[in-house]
Amino acid sequence: MKTCSRCDSSLDDEARYCVECGAPQTEDAAEELDDYVQRQAQQVAADSGDAGGGGGHAGSGGDGSGYVSTEELTDREQLWRRGCYVLGYGTIVVALTLVPQIGSFPLILGGIAILPPIRRLTSEPLGSPLKREVMAGLYAVFALLGVALLVLL
């Protein structure tokens, strides 16, 4: 009996894969696994290409809301996305330093509301991603509410 080189479990002499960890035990098995992984990767790439091409799909769109790589975004969209990250995380960090005060909680919510991944997360239950103006509005409402509570209380 031979043992697996990865997990040291005992194997039959003619085993092509380890029954414990799945590691290939022969060169042919390793090549077969490589081919399978390549086919699966091509299938996933083809499927995601189809999903991104649909105009009404929640994950599509070059407006910074979908699963679009940064190379495909325009300069303005990249600037918007980066600005949202800076503003969102900056607000969250400032609010976390004020956590015992009641006004910090709306600031945290505002910082979270403007982060670009929130658009993707809300697009599934809402049917479409929130528009930039809505995100900025939510941020402004929460930020103003938080600042007002900090000043008044």
N, C-alpha and C. Protein backbone atom coordinates (compact mmCIF):
# COMPACT_ATOMS: atom_id res chain seq x y z
N MET A 1 0.84 -1.18 0.00
CA MET A 1 0.00 0.00 0.00
C MET A 1 0.88 1.24 0.00
N LYS A 2 0.41 2.23 -0.75
CA LYS A 2 1.14 3.50 -0.77
C LYS A 2 0.40 4.53 0.06
N THR A 3 1.07 5.66 0.32
CA THR A 3 0.45 6.73 1.10
C THR A 3 0.39 8.00 0.26
N CYS A 4 -0.57 8.84 0.60
CA CYS A 4 -0.74 10.12 -0.10
C CYS A 4 0.39 11.06 0.29
N SER A 5 0.93 11.75 -0.70
CA SER A 5 2.02 12.68 -0.43
C SER A 5 1.54 13.95 0.28
N ARG A 6 0.25 14.23 0.19
CA ARG A 6 -0.28 15.46 0.81
C ARG A 6 -0.75 15.20 2.25
N CYS A 7 -1.54 14.15 2.47
CA CYS A 7 -2.14 13.96 3.80
C CYS A 7 -1.68 12.68 4.49
N ASP A 8 -0.82 11.89 3.88
CA ASP A 8 -0.24 10.67 4.45
C ASP A 8 -1.26 9.59 4.78
N SER A 9 -2.44 9.63 4.15
CA SER A 9 -3.40 8.54 4.37
C SER A 9 -3.03 7.38 3.46
N SER A 10 -3.40 6.18 3.86
CA SER A 10 -3.05 4.99 3.08
C SER A 10 -3.99 4.84 1.89
N LEU A 11 -3.41 4.42 0.76
CA LEU A 11 -4.15 4.30 -0.49
C LEU A 11 -3.92 2.94 -1.11
N ASP A 12 -4.84 2.52 -1.98
CA ASP A 12 -4.61 1.33 -2.79
C ASP A 12 -3.51 1.63 -3.78
N ASP A 13 -2.82 0.60 -4.23
CA ASP A 13 -1.71 0.80 -5.16
C ASP A 13 -2.17 1.39 -6.49
N GLU A 14 -3.39 1.10 -6.93
CA GLU A 14 -3.86 1.61 -8.22
C GLU A 14 -4.73 2.86 -8.08
N ALA A 15 -4.77 3.49 -6.93
CA ALA A 15 -5.60 4.68 -6.71
C ALA A 15 -5.05 5.86 -7.51
N ARG A 16 -5.96 6.56 -8.21
CA ARG A 16 -5.56 7.74 -9.00
C ARG A 16 -5.67 9.02 -8.18
N TYR A 17 -6.61 9.02 -7.21
CA TYR A 17 -6.81 10.17 -6.33
C TYR A 17 -6.89 9.69 -4.89
N CYS A 18 -6.50 10.55 -3.97
CA CYS A 18 -6.60 10.23 -2.54
C CYS A 18 -8.07 10.32 -2.13
N VAL A 19 -8.53 9.33 -1.37
CA VAL A 19 -9.92 9.33 -0.93
C VAL A 19 -10.14 10.31 0.22
N GLU A 20 -9.11 10.73 0.89
CA GLU A 20 -9.23 11.67 2.01
C GLU A 20 -9.19 13.13 1.55
N CYS A 21 -8.14 13.49 0.79
CA CYS A 21 -7.98 14.91 0.43
C CYS A 21 -8.21 15.19 -1.05
N GLY A 22 -8.32 14.17 -1.88
CA GLY A 22 -8.60 14.36 -3.30
C GLY A 22 -7.39 14.67 -4.15
N ALA A 23 -6.20 14.62 -3.59
CA ALA A 23 -4.99 14.94 -4.35
C ALA A 23 -4.73 13.87 -5.41
N PRO A 24 -4.35 14.29 -6.63
CA PRO A 24 -4.03 13.30 -7.66
C PRO A 24 -2.76 12.54 -7.27
N GLN A 25 -2.75 11.23 -7.61
CA GLN A 25 -1.63 10.38 -7.22
C GLN A 25 -0.76 9.96 -8.40
N THR A 26 -1.24 10.22 -9.62
CA THR A 26 -0.45 9.90 -10.81
C THR A 26 -0.37 11.13 -11.69
N GLU A 27 0.57 11.12 -12.63
CA GLU A 27 0.71 12.23 -13.58
C GLU A 27 -0.55 12.37 -14.44
N ASP A 28 -1.09 11.23 -14.87
CA ASP A 28 -2.32 11.27 -15.68
C ASP A 28 -3.47 11.89 -14.89
N ALA A 29 -3.58 11.54 -13.63
CA ALA A 29 -4.64 12.10 -12.80
C ALA A 29 -4.44 13.61 -12.61
N ALA A 30 -3.19 14.04 -12.45
CA ALA A 30 -2.89 15.46 -12.29
C ALA A 30 -3.24 16.23 -13.55
N GLU A 31 -2.92 15.67 -14.73
CA GLU A 31 -3.27 16.32 -16.00
C GLU A 31 -4.78 16.35 -16.19
N GLU A 32 -5.45 15.28 -15.84
CA GLU A 32 -6.91 15.22 -15.94
C GLU A 32 -7.54 16.29 -15.04
N LEU A 33 -7.03 16.44 -13.84
CA LEU A 33 -7.54 17.45 -12.92
C LEU A 33 -7.28 18.85 -13.46
N ASP A 34 -6.10 19.07 -14.02
CA ASP A 34 -5.78 20.37 -14.63
C ASP A 34 -6.76 20.71 -15.76
N ASP A 35 -7.01 19.74 -16.62
CA ASP A 35 -7.95 19.95 -17.73
C ASP A 35 -9.35 20.28 -17.20
N TYR A 36 -9.77 19.55 -16.19
CA TYR A 36 -11.09 19.79 -15.60
C TYR A 36 -11.18 21.20 -15.02
N VAL A 37 -10.16 21.60 -14.30
CA VAL A 37 -10.16 22.95 -13.69
C VAL A 37 -10.19 24.01 -14.78
N GLN A 38 -9.44 23.82 -15.86
CA GLN A 38 -9.44 24.78 -16.96
C GLN A 38 -10.82 24.88 -17.62
N ARG A 39 -11.46 23.75 -17.83
CA ARG A 39 -12.81 23.77 -18.42
C ARG A 39 -13.80 24.48 -17.51
N GLN A 40 -13.70 24.23 -16.21
CA GLN A 40 -14.60 24.88 -15.26
C GLN A 40 -14.35 26.39 -15.23
N ALA A 41 -13.10 26.80 -15.28
CA ALA A 41 -12.77 28.22 -15.27
C ALA A 41 -13.31 28.90 -16.53
N GLN A 42 -13.19 28.25 -17.68
CA GLN A 42 -13.71 28.81 -18.91
C GLN A 42 -15.23 28.90 -18.86
N GLN A 43 -15.87 27.90 -18.27
CA GLN A 43 -17.33 27.90 -18.14
C GLN A 43 -17.79 29.05 -17.24
N VAL A 44 -17.10 29.24 -16.13
CA VAL A 44 -17.45 30.33 -15.21
C VAL A 44 -17.25 31.68 -15.90
N ALA A 45 -16.16 31.82 -16.64
CA ALA A 45 -15.90 33.07 -17.34
C ALA A 45 -16.97 33.33 -18.40
N ALA A 46 -17.37 32.30 -19.10
CA ALA A 46 -18.40 32.45 -20.12
C ALA A 46 -19.74 32.81 -19.48
N ASP A 47 -20.07 32.16 -18.36
CA ASP A 47 -21.33 32.44 -17.67
C ASP A 47 -21.35 33.86 -17.12
N SER A 48 -20.26 34.31 -16.55
CA SER A 48 -20.23 35.66 -16.00
C SER A 48 -20.23 36.70 -17.12
N GLY A 49 -19.69 36.36 -18.26
CA GLY A 49 -19.75 37.26 -19.41
C GLY A 49 -21.17 37.44 -19.91
N ASP A 50 -21.95 36.35 -19.89
CA ASP A 50 -23.35 36.44 -20.30
C ASP A 50 -24.15 37.25 -19.30
N ALA A 51 -23.87 37.06 -18.00
CA ALA A 51 -24.62 37.77 -16.98
C ALA A 51 -24.34 39.25 -17.02
N GLY A 52 -23.11 39.63 -17.32
CA GLY A 52 -22.76 41.05 -17.36
C GLY A 52 -23.28 41.74 -18.59
N GLY A 53 -23.65 40.98 -19.62
CA GLY A 53 -24.09 41.59 -20.87
C GLY A 53 -25.53 42.03 -20.87
N GLY A 54 -26.35 41.47 -19.96
CA GLY A 54 -27.76 41.82 -19.94
C GLY A 54 -27.97 43.22 -19.41
N GLY A 55 -28.78 44.01 -20.09
CA GLY A 55 -28.96 45.40 -19.70
C GLY A 55 -29.67 45.56 -18.37
N GLY A 56 -30.63 44.71 -18.04
CA GLY A 56 -31.40 44.90 -16.82
C GLY A 56 -30.92 44.06 -15.67
N HIS A 57 -29.85 43.33 -15.82
CA HIS A 57 -29.37 42.46 -14.77
C HIS A 57 -28.80 43.29 -13.62
N ALA A 58 -29.08 42.86 -12.41
CA ALA A 58 -28.66 43.63 -11.24
C ALA A 58 -27.15 43.74 -11.13
N GLY A 59 -26.41 42.79 -11.69
CA GLY A 59 -24.96 42.84 -11.57
C GLY A 59 -24.30 43.54 -12.72
N SER A 60 -25.05 44.05 -13.66
CA SER A 60 -24.43 44.69 -14.81
C SER A 60 -24.48 46.18 -14.68
N GLY A 61 -23.80 46.82 -15.58
CA GLY A 61 -23.87 48.28 -15.60
C GLY A 61 -22.52 48.89 -15.35
N GLY A 62 -22.19 49.90 -16.10
CA GLY A 62 -20.93 50.57 -15.94
C GLY A 62 -21.02 51.77 -15.03
N ASP A 63 -22.09 51.91 -14.25
CA ASP A 63 -22.24 53.09 -13.41
C ASP A 63 -21.66 52.89 -12.02
N GLY A 64 -20.80 51.90 -11.85
CA GLY A 64 -20.18 51.68 -10.56
C GLY A 64 -20.99 50.79 -9.65
N SER A 65 -22.08 50.23 -10.15
CA SER A 65 -22.93 49.45 -9.28
C SER A 65 -22.73 47.96 -9.47
N GLY A 66 -22.29 47.53 -10.64
CA GLY A 66 -22.27 46.11 -10.93
C GLY A 66 -20.91 45.50 -10.73
N TYR A 67 -20.76 44.32 -11.30
CA TYR A 67 -19.53 43.57 -11.16
C TYR A 67 -18.62 43.91 -12.32
N VAL A 68 -18.30 45.17 -12.45
CA VAL A 68 -17.50 45.66 -13.56
C VAL A 68 -16.10 45.92 -13.04
N SER A 69 -15.09 45.46 -13.77
CA SER A 69 -13.72 45.72 -13.34
C SER A 69 -13.40 47.19 -13.48
N THR A 70 -12.44 47.67 -12.72
CA THR A 70 -12.12 49.09 -12.72
C THR A 70 -11.56 49.53 -14.06
N GLU A 71 -11.01 48.62 -14.87
CA GLU A 71 -10.50 48.99 -16.18
C GLU A 71 -11.63 49.39 -17.12
N GLU A 72 -12.83 48.84 -16.89
CA GLU A 72 -13.97 49.12 -17.76
C GLU A 72 -14.72 50.39 -17.36
N LEU A 73 -14.39 50.96 -16.22
CA LEU A 73 -15.08 52.16 -15.75
C LEU A 73 -14.45 53.41 -16.35
N THR A 74 -15.25 54.44 -16.54
CA THR A 74 -14.71 55.71 -17.01
C THR A 74 -14.00 56.39 -15.85
N ASP A 75 -13.23 57.43 -16.15
CA ASP A 75 -12.50 58.16 -15.11
C ASP A 75 -13.47 58.73 -14.07
N ARG A 76 -14.58 59.25 -14.55
CA ARG A 76 -15.57 59.85 -13.63
C ARG A 76 -16.16 58.79 -12.70
N GLU A 77 -16.46 57.61 -13.23
CA GLU A 77 -17.02 56.54 -12.41
C GLU A 77 -15.99 56.03 -11.41
N GLN A 78 -14.72 55.94 -11.81
CA GLN A 78 -13.68 55.54 -10.88
C GLN A 78 -13.51 56.56 -9.77
N LEU A 79 -13.56 57.84 -10.13
CA LEU A 79 -13.45 58.90 -9.14
C LEU A 79 -14.61 58.86 -8.15
N TRP A 80 -15.82 58.62 -8.67
CA TRP A 80 -16.99 58.51 -7.80
C TRP A 80 -16.82 57.35 -6.83
N ARG A 81 -16.41 56.20 -7.34
CA ARG A 81 -16.26 55.01 -6.50
C ARG A 81 -15.20 55.23 -5.43
N ARG A 82 -14.05 55.77 -5.83
CA ARG A 82 -12.98 56.03 -4.86
C ARG A 82 -13.41 57.06 -3.83
N GLY A 83 -14.10 58.10 -4.27
CA GLY A 83 -14.59 59.12 -3.34
C GLY A 83 -15.56 58.54 -2.33
N CYS A 84 -16.43 57.64 -2.79
CA CYS A 84 -17.38 57.00 -1.89
C CYS A 84 -16.67 56.16 -0.84
N TYR A 85 -15.64 55.43 -1.27
CA TYR A 85 -14.87 54.64 -0.31
C TYR A 85 -14.21 55.54 0.73
N VAL A 86 -13.56 56.61 0.27
CA VAL A 86 -12.88 57.52 1.19
C VAL A 86 -13.87 58.15 2.16
N LEU A 87 -14.96 58.67 1.63
CA LEU A 87 -15.96 59.33 2.46
C LEU A 87 -16.62 58.34 3.42
N GLY A 88 -16.97 57.17 2.92
CA GLY A 88 -17.63 56.16 3.76
C GLY A 88 -16.74 55.68 4.89
N TYR A 89 -15.53 55.23 4.54
CA TYR A 89 -14.63 54.72 5.57
C TYR A 89 -14.17 55.83 6.51
N GLY A 90 -13.96 57.03 5.98
CA GLY A 90 -13.59 58.16 6.84
C GLY A 90 -14.68 58.47 7.85
N THR A 91 -15.91 58.48 7.41
CA THR A 91 -17.03 58.74 8.31
C THR A 91 -17.15 57.65 9.37
N ILE A 92 -16.97 56.41 8.95
CA ILE A 92 -17.07 55.29 9.90
C ILE A 92 -15.96 55.39 10.95
N VAL A 93 -14.75 55.70 10.53
CA VAL A 93 -13.63 55.81 11.48
C VAL A 93 -13.88 56.94 12.48
N VAL A 94 -14.31 58.09 11.99
CA VAL A 94 -14.61 59.21 12.89
C VAL A 94 -15.73 58.82 13.85
N ALA A 95 -16.76 58.18 13.33
CA ALA A 95 -17.90 57.80 14.18
C ALA A 95 -17.50 56.77 15.23
N LEU A 96 -16.60 55.87 14.88
CA LEU A 96 -16.17 54.87 15.86
C LEU A 96 -15.40 55.50 17.02
N THR A 97 -14.76 56.62 16.78
CA THR A 97 -14.08 57.30 17.89
C THR A 97 -15.06 57.97 18.82
N LEU A 98 -16.30 58.13 18.38
CA LEU A 98 -17.34 58.80 19.18
C LEU A 98 -18.42 57.83 19.65
N VAL A 99 -18.14 56.54 19.64
CA VAL A 99 -19.16 55.52 19.86
C VAL A 99 -20.01 55.71 21.12
N PRO A 100 -19.50 56.12 22.25
CA PRO A 100 -20.41 56.25 23.40
C PRO A 100 -21.50 57.31 23.19
N GLN A 101 -21.29 58.24 22.29
CA GLN A 101 -22.28 59.30 22.07
C GLN A 101 -23.33 58.82 21.07
N ILE A 102 -24.55 59.26 21.27
CA ILE A 102 -25.69 58.80 20.46
C ILE A 102 -25.56 59.22 19.00
N GLY A 103 -24.91 60.32 18.71
CA GLY A 103 -24.79 60.80 17.34
C GLY A 103 -23.86 59.98 16.48
N SER A 104 -23.07 59.09 17.09
CA SER A 104 -22.13 58.30 16.30
C SER A 104 -22.84 57.22 15.48
N PHE A 105 -23.96 56.74 15.94
CA PHE A 105 -24.63 55.64 15.25
C PHE A 105 -25.21 56.05 13.89
N PRO A 106 -25.87 57.21 13.77
CA PRO A 106 -26.27 57.63 12.42
C PRO A 106 -25.06 57.89 11.50
N LEU A 107 -23.94 58.36 12.07
CA LEU A 107 -22.74 58.56 11.25
C LEU A 107 -22.22 57.23 10.72
N ILE A 108 -22.23 56.21 11.54
CA ILE A 108 -21.80 54.88 11.09
C ILE A 108 -22.73 54.39 9.97
N LEU A 109 -24.03 54.55 10.16
CA LEU A 109 -24.98 54.13 9.12
C LEU A 109 -24.77 54.91 7.83
N GLY A 110 -24.50 56.21 7.94
CA GLY A 110 -24.24 57.02 6.76
C GLY A 110 -22.99 56.56 6.04
N GLY A 111 -21.93 56.27 6.79
CA GLY A 111 -20.70 55.78 6.18
C GLY A 111 -20.90 54.46 5.46
N ILE A 112 -21.70 53.59 6.06
CA ILE A 112 -21.99 52.31 5.42
C ILE A 112 -22.85 52.51 4.18
N ALA A 113 -23.81 53.42 4.26
CA ALA A 113 -24.76 53.62 3.16
C ALA A 113 -24.07 54.10 1.88
N ILE A 114 -22.97 54.82 1.99
CA ILE A 114 -22.36 55.38 0.78
C ILE A 114 -21.29 54.46 0.17
N LEU A 115 -20.93 53.38 0.86
CA LEU A 115 -19.92 52.47 0.31
C LEU A 115 -20.45 51.78 -0.95
N PRO A 116 -19.65 51.72 -2.02
CA PRO A 116 -20.12 51.11 -3.28
C PRO A 116 -20.62 49.68 -3.18
N PRO A 117 -20.05 48.80 -2.34
CA PRO A 117 -20.62 47.44 -2.28
C PRO A 117 -22.06 47.40 -1.78
N ILE A 118 -22.50 48.41 -1.08
CA ILE A 118 -23.88 48.44 -0.59
C ILE A 118 -24.84 48.50 -1.77
N ARG A 119 -24.44 49.16 -2.84
CA ARG A 119 -25.31 49.19 -4.03
C ARG A 119 -25.54 47.79 -4.57
N ARG A 120 -24.47 46.98 -4.62
CA ARG A 120 -24.62 45.61 -5.11
C ARG A 120 -25.45 44.78 -4.15
N LEU A 121 -25.22 44.95 -2.86
CA LEU A 121 -25.97 44.16 -1.88
C LEU A 121 -27.45 44.50 -1.87
N THR A 122 -27.79 45.75 -2.10
CA THR A 122 -29.21 46.14 -2.10
C THR A 122 -29.88 45.87 -3.44
N SER A 123 -29.10 45.64 -4.49
CA SER A 123 -29.72 45.43 -5.80
C SER A 123 -30.50 44.12 -5.86
N GLU A 124 -30.06 43.11 -5.12
CA GLU A 124 -30.76 41.82 -5.13
C GLU A 124 -32.17 41.93 -4.55
N PRO A 125 -32.35 42.42 -3.33
CA PRO A 125 -33.72 42.49 -2.80
C PRO A 125 -34.57 43.59 -3.44
N LEU A 126 -33.95 44.66 -3.91
CA LEU A 126 -34.72 45.77 -4.48
C LEU A 126 -35.00 45.60 -5.97
N GLY A 127 -34.28 44.71 -6.62
CA GLY A 127 -34.48 44.49 -8.04
C GLY A 127 -33.55 45.30 -8.93
N SER A 128 -33.01 46.39 -8.43
CA SER A 128 -32.03 47.18 -9.18
C SER A 128 -31.19 47.95 -8.17
N PRO A 129 -29.97 48.29 -8.55
CA PRO A 129 -29.12 49.01 -7.60
C PRO A 129 -29.63 50.41 -7.33
N LEU A 130 -29.31 50.91 -6.15
CA LEU A 130 -29.67 52.28 -5.80
C LEU A 130 -28.88 53.24 -6.69
N LYS A 131 -29.47 54.33 -7.04
CA LYS A 131 -28.78 55.34 -7.84
C LYS A 131 -27.79 56.09 -6.96
N ARG A 132 -26.82 56.72 -7.61
CA ARG A 132 -25.81 57.48 -6.87
C ARG A 132 -26.44 58.57 -6.02
N GLU A 133 -27.44 59.22 -6.59
CA GLU A 133 -28.09 60.31 -5.87
C GLU A 133 -28.77 59.81 -4.60
N VAL A 134 -29.34 58.62 -4.66
CA VAL A 134 -29.99 58.03 -3.49
C VAL A 134 -28.95 57.72 -2.42
N MET A 135 -27.82 57.15 -2.86
CA MET A 135 -26.74 56.86 -1.91
C MET A 135 -26.25 58.14 -1.24
N ALA A 136 -26.00 59.17 -2.05
CA ALA A 136 -25.53 60.44 -1.51
C ALA A 136 -26.59 61.05 -0.59
N GLY A 137 -27.85 60.93 -0.94
CA GLY A 137 -28.93 61.43 -0.09
C GLY A 137 -29.00 60.72 1.24
N LEU A 138 -28.91 59.39 1.20
CA LEU A 138 -28.90 58.62 2.45
C LEU A 138 -27.73 59.02 3.33
N TYR A 139 -26.57 59.16 2.70
CA TYR A 139 -25.39 59.57 3.46
C TYR A 139 -25.63 60.94 4.09
N ALA A 140 -26.15 61.89 3.31
CA ALA A 140 -26.36 63.25 3.81
C ALA A 140 -27.36 63.25 4.97
N VAL A 141 -28.45 62.49 4.86
CA VAL A 141 -29.45 62.44 5.92
C VAL A 141 -28.84 61.88 7.20
N PHE A 142 -28.16 60.73 7.09
CA PHE A 142 -27.56 60.12 8.28
C PHE A 142 -26.45 61.01 8.86
N ALA A 143 -25.63 61.59 8.00
CA ALA A 143 -24.54 62.45 8.49
C ALA A 143 -25.09 63.69 9.19
N LEU A 144 -26.09 64.34 8.60
CA LEU A 144 -26.68 65.51 9.24
C LEU A 144 -27.37 65.16 10.56
N LEU A 145 -28.06 64.04 10.56
CA LEU A 145 -28.70 63.58 11.80
C LEU A 145 -27.66 63.30 12.87
N GLY A 146 -26.59 62.62 12.50
CA GLY A 146 -25.51 62.32 13.46
C GLY A 146 -24.84 63.56 13.99
N VAL A 147 -24.53 64.51 13.10
CA VAL A 147 -23.89 65.75 13.53
C VAL A 147 -24.84 66.55 14.43
N ALA A 148 -26.10 66.60 14.07
CA ALA A 148 -27.08 67.33 14.89
C ALA A 148 -27.19 66.72 16.28
N LEU A 149 -27.22 65.39 16.35
CA LEU A 149 -27.28 64.74 17.66
C LEU A 149 -26.01 64.98 18.47
N LEU A 150 -24.86 64.98 17.81
CA LEU A 150 -23.61 65.25 18.52
C LEU A 150 -23.57 66.68 19.06
N VAL A 151 -24.06 67.62 18.28
CA VAL A 151 -24.03 69.03 18.69
C VAL A 151 -25.08 69.31 19.77
N LEU A 152 -26.28 68.77 19.60
CA LEU A 152 -27.37 69.07 20.51
C LEU A 152 -27.30 68.30 21.82
N LEU A 153 -26.75 67.10 21.78
CA LEU A 153 -26.73 66.27 23.01
C LEU A 153 -25.38 66.25 23.59
